[in-house]
Amino acid sequence: MNKRIISNFKITKRLFFKKSDIVKWITSSKVTTKEELNQLADGYIFKNPLS
């Protein structure tokens, strides 16, 4: 399960993140947009007609 947490570390009172961890978090946390879902649905209906 993805908790949507980016690994980090503290030095004194400052919070730091590795750039590679941020990129990994962004790419793994992608949410499908409404437009993308509509395109997928249209493609499915086109390939699998009801009749």
C-alpha atoms as a PDB file:
ATOM      1  CA  MET A   1       0.000   0.000   0.000  1.00  0.00           C
ATOM      2  CA  ASN A   2       1.307   3.408  -0.952  1.00  0.00           C
ATOM      3  CA  LYS A   3       1.202   5.788   2.011  1.00  0.00           C
ATOM      4  CA  ARG A   4       2.232   8.706  -0.230  1.00  0.00           C
ATOM      5  CA  ILE A   5       5.220   9.469   1.982  1.00  0.00           C
ATOM      6  CA  ILE A   6       8.567  10.715   0.639  1.00  0.00           C
ATOM      7  CA  SER A   7      11.631   9.477   2.473  1.00  0.00           C
ATOM      8  CA  ASN A   8      13.538  12.322   4.102  1.00  0.00           C
ATOM      9  CA  PHE A   9      16.209  13.139   6.648  1.00  0.00           C
ATOM     10  CA  LYS A  10      16.892  15.956   9.066  1.00  0.00           C
ATOM     11  CA  ILE A  11      20.035  17.920   9.637  1.00  0.00           C
ATOM     12  CA  THR A  12      19.576  20.200  12.634  1.00  0.00           C
ATOM     13  CA  LYS A  13      16.024  21.536  12.242  1.00  0.00           C
ATOM     14  CA  ARG A  14      15.925  21.364   8.431  1.00  0.00           C
ATOM     15  CA  LEU A  15      14.174  18.641   6.476  1.00  0.00           C
ATOM     16  CA  PHE A  16      15.935  17.333   3.334  1.00  0.00           C
ATOM     17  CA  PHE A  17      14.867  15.085   0.448  1.00  0.00           C
ATOM     18  CA  LYS A  18      16.922  13.266  -2.177  1.00  0.00           C
ATOM     19  CA  LYS A  19      16.018  14.336  -5.701  1.00  0.00           C
ATOM     20  CA  SER A  20      15.847  10.675  -6.817  1.00  0.00           C
ATOM     21  CA  ASP A  21      13.360   9.919  -4.009  1.00  0.00           C
ATOM     22  CA  ILE A  22      11.149  12.826  -5.083  1.00  0.00           C
ATOM     23  CA  VAL A  23      11.168  11.700  -8.719  1.00  0.00           C
ATOM     24  CA  LYS A  24      10.370   8.119  -7.673  1.00  0.00           C
ATOM     25  CA  TRP A  25       7.520   9.342  -5.446  1.00  0.00           C
ATOM     26  CA  ILE A  26       6.034  11.499  -8.205  1.00  0.00           C
ATOM     27  CA  THR A  27       6.093   8.722 -10.789  1.00  0.00           C
ATOM     28  CA  SER A  28       4.705   6.082  -8.418  1.00  0.00           C
ATOM     29  CA  SER A  29       1.946   8.369  -7.111  1.00  0.00           C
ATOM     30  CA  LYS A  30       0.474   9.268 -10.509  1.00  0.00           C
ATOM     31  CA  VAL A  31      -3.312   9.433 -10.527  1.00  0.00           C
ATOM     32  CA  THR A  32      -5.236   8.896 -13.751  1.00  0.00           C
ATOM     33  CA  THR A  33      -7.048  12.055 -14.850  1.00  0.00           C
ATOM     34  CA  LYS A  34     -10.670  12.188 -15.957  1.00  0.00           C
ATOM     35  CA  GLU A  35      -9.544  12.900 -19.523  1.00  0.00           C
ATOM     36  CA  GLU A  36      -7.229   9.861 -19.517  1.00  0.00           C
ATOM     37  CA  LEU A  37     -10.052   7.663 -18.201  1.00  0.00           C
ATOM     38  CA  ASN A  38     -12.372   8.932 -20.947  1.00  0.00           C
ATOM     39  CA  GLN A  39      -9.738   8.135 -23.592  1.00  0.00           C
ATOM     40  CA  LEU A  40      -9.300   4.620 -22.188  1.00  0.00           C
ATOM     41  CA  ALA A  41     -13.065   4.081 -22.141  1.00  0.00           C
ATOM     42  CA  ASP A  42     -13.448   5.344 -25.723  1.00  0.00           C
ATOM     43  CA  GLY A  43     -10.645   3.058 -26.869  1.00  0.00           C
ATOM     44  CA  TYR A  44     -12.218   0.077 -25.138  1.00  0.00           C
ATOM     45  CA  ILE A  45     -15.665   0.768 -26.620  1.00  0.00           C
ATOM     46  CA  PHE A  46     -14.152   1.191 -30.092  1.00  0.00           C
ATOM     47  CA  LYS A  47     -12.318  -2.162 -29.841  1.00  0.00           C
ATOM     48  CA  ASN A  48     -15.222  -3.998 -28.165  1.00  0.00           C
ATOM     49  CA  PRO A  49     -18.517  -2.885 -29.715  1.00  0.00           C
ATOM     50  CA  LEU A  50     -21.728  -4.141 -28.080  1.00  0.00           C
ATOM     51  CA  SER A  51     -23.193  -5.691 -31.238  1.00  0.00           C
END
